Amino acid sequence: MTSIDKYSLVSFAPSVLIVATCVVLTVVGVRFLRKNIAKDAAAAGEASNG
């Protein structure tokens, strides 16, 4: 069975942290864009109606 010792963790932990940060930032960015696109579409629909 493979075990992670302290020296392996020193290089493994930052890599996992970077990947997790990228995933979180992607999710936050997609939600932000969806919200703003919906807001802009509502404003455009309101402007074209009257």
C-alpha atoms as a PDB file:
ATOM      1  CA  MET A   1       0.000   0.000   0.000  1.00  0.00           C
ATOM      2  CA  THR A   2       1.362   3.399  -0.916  1.00  0.00           C
ATOM      3  CA  SER A   3       1.576   6.005   1.771  1.00  0.00           C
ATOM      4  CA  ILE A   4       2.245   9.700   1.468  1.00  0.00           C
ATOM      5  CA  ASP A   5       5.132  10.816   3.591  1.00  0.00           C
ATOM      6  CA  LYS A   6       5.931  14.371   4.587  1.00  0.00           C
ATOM      7  CA  TYR A   7       8.290  14.970   1.663  1.00  0.00           C
ATOM      8  CA  SER A   8       5.796  13.770  -0.922  1.00  0.00           C
ATOM      9  CA  LEU A   9       3.096  15.931   0.625  1.00  0.00           C
ATOM     10  CA  VAL A  10       5.279  19.025   0.307  1.00  0.00           C
ATOM     11  CA  SER A  11       5.077  18.857  -3.483  1.00  0.00           C
ATOM     12  CA  PHE A  12       1.641  17.241  -3.735  1.00  0.00           C
ATOM     13  CA  ALA A  13      -0.338  19.663  -1.544  1.00  0.00           C
ATOM     14  CA  PRO A  14       0.408  22.838  -3.547  1.00  0.00           C
ATOM     15  CA  SER A  15      -0.513  21.067  -6.780  1.00  0.00           C
ATOM     16  CA  VAL A  16      -3.861  19.986  -5.366  1.00  0.00           C
ATOM     17  CA  LEU A  17      -4.431  23.479  -4.011  1.00  0.00           C
ATOM     18  CA  ILE A  18      -3.760  25.041  -7.417  1.00  0.00           C
ATOM     19  CA  VAL A  19      -6.125  22.635  -9.188  1.00  0.00           C
ATOM     20  CA  ALA A  20      -8.857  23.203  -6.577  1.00  0.00           C
ATOM     21  CA  THR A  21      -8.452  26.973  -6.885  1.00  0.00           C
ATOM     22  CA  CYS A  22      -8.772  26.775 -10.663  1.00  0.00           C
ATOM     23  CA  VAL A  23     -11.958  24.736 -10.383  1.00  0.00           C
ATOM     24  CA  VAL A  24     -13.477  27.109  -7.825  1.00  0.00           C
ATOM     25  CA  LEU A  25     -12.588  30.200  -9.857  1.00  0.00           C
ATOM     26  CA  THR A  26     -14.085  28.627 -12.982  1.00  0.00           C
ATOM     27  CA  VAL A  27     -17.361  27.870 -11.188  1.00  0.00           C
ATOM     28  CA  VAL A  28     -17.531  31.377  -9.709  1.00  0.00           C
ATOM     29  CA  GLY A  29     -16.742  32.930 -13.089  1.00  0.00           C
ATOM     30  CA  VAL A  30     -19.413  30.935 -14.912  1.00  0.00           C
ATOM     31  CA  ARG A  31     -22.040  31.902 -12.321  1.00  0.00           C
ATOM     32  CA  PHE A  32     -20.987  35.553 -12.533  1.00  0.00           C
ATOM     33  CA  LEU A  33     -21.231  35.550 -16.332  1.00  0.00           C
ATOM     34  CA  ARG A  34     -24.613  33.817 -16.343  1.00  0.00           C
ATOM     35  CA  LYS A  35     -26.018  36.345 -13.875  1.00  0.00           C
ATOM     36  CA  ASN A  36     -24.718  39.302 -15.872  1.00  0.00           C
ATOM     37  CA  ILE A  37     -25.879  37.878 -19.202  1.00  0.00           C
ATOM     38  CA  ALA A  38     -29.374  37.408 -17.773  1.00  0.00           C
ATOM     39  CA  LYS A  39     -29.340  40.952 -16.387  1.00  0.00           C
ATOM     40  CA  ASP A  40     -28.238  42.367 -19.752  1.00  0.00           C
ATOM     41  CA  ALA A  41     -30.864  40.330 -21.615  1.00  0.00           C
ATOM     42  CA  ALA A  42     -33.579  41.609 -19.288  1.00  0.00           C
ATOM     43  CA  ALA A  43     -32.401  45.185 -19.772  1.00  0.00           C
ATOM     44  CA  ALA A  44     -32.302  44.734 -23.548  1.00  0.00           C
ATOM     45  CA  GLY A  45     -35.785  43.244 -23.553  1.00  0.00           C
ATOM     46  CA  GLU A  46     -37.074  46.115 -21.453  1.00  0.00           C
ATOM     47  CA  ALA A  47     -35.444  48.687 -23.748  1.00  0.00           C
ATOM     48  CA  SER A  48     -36.888  47.119 -26.893  1.00  0.00           C
ATOM     49  CA  ASN A  49     -40.401  46.959 -25.441  1.00  0.00           C
ATOM     50  CA  GLY A  50     -40.752  50.478 -24.552  1.00  0.00           C
END
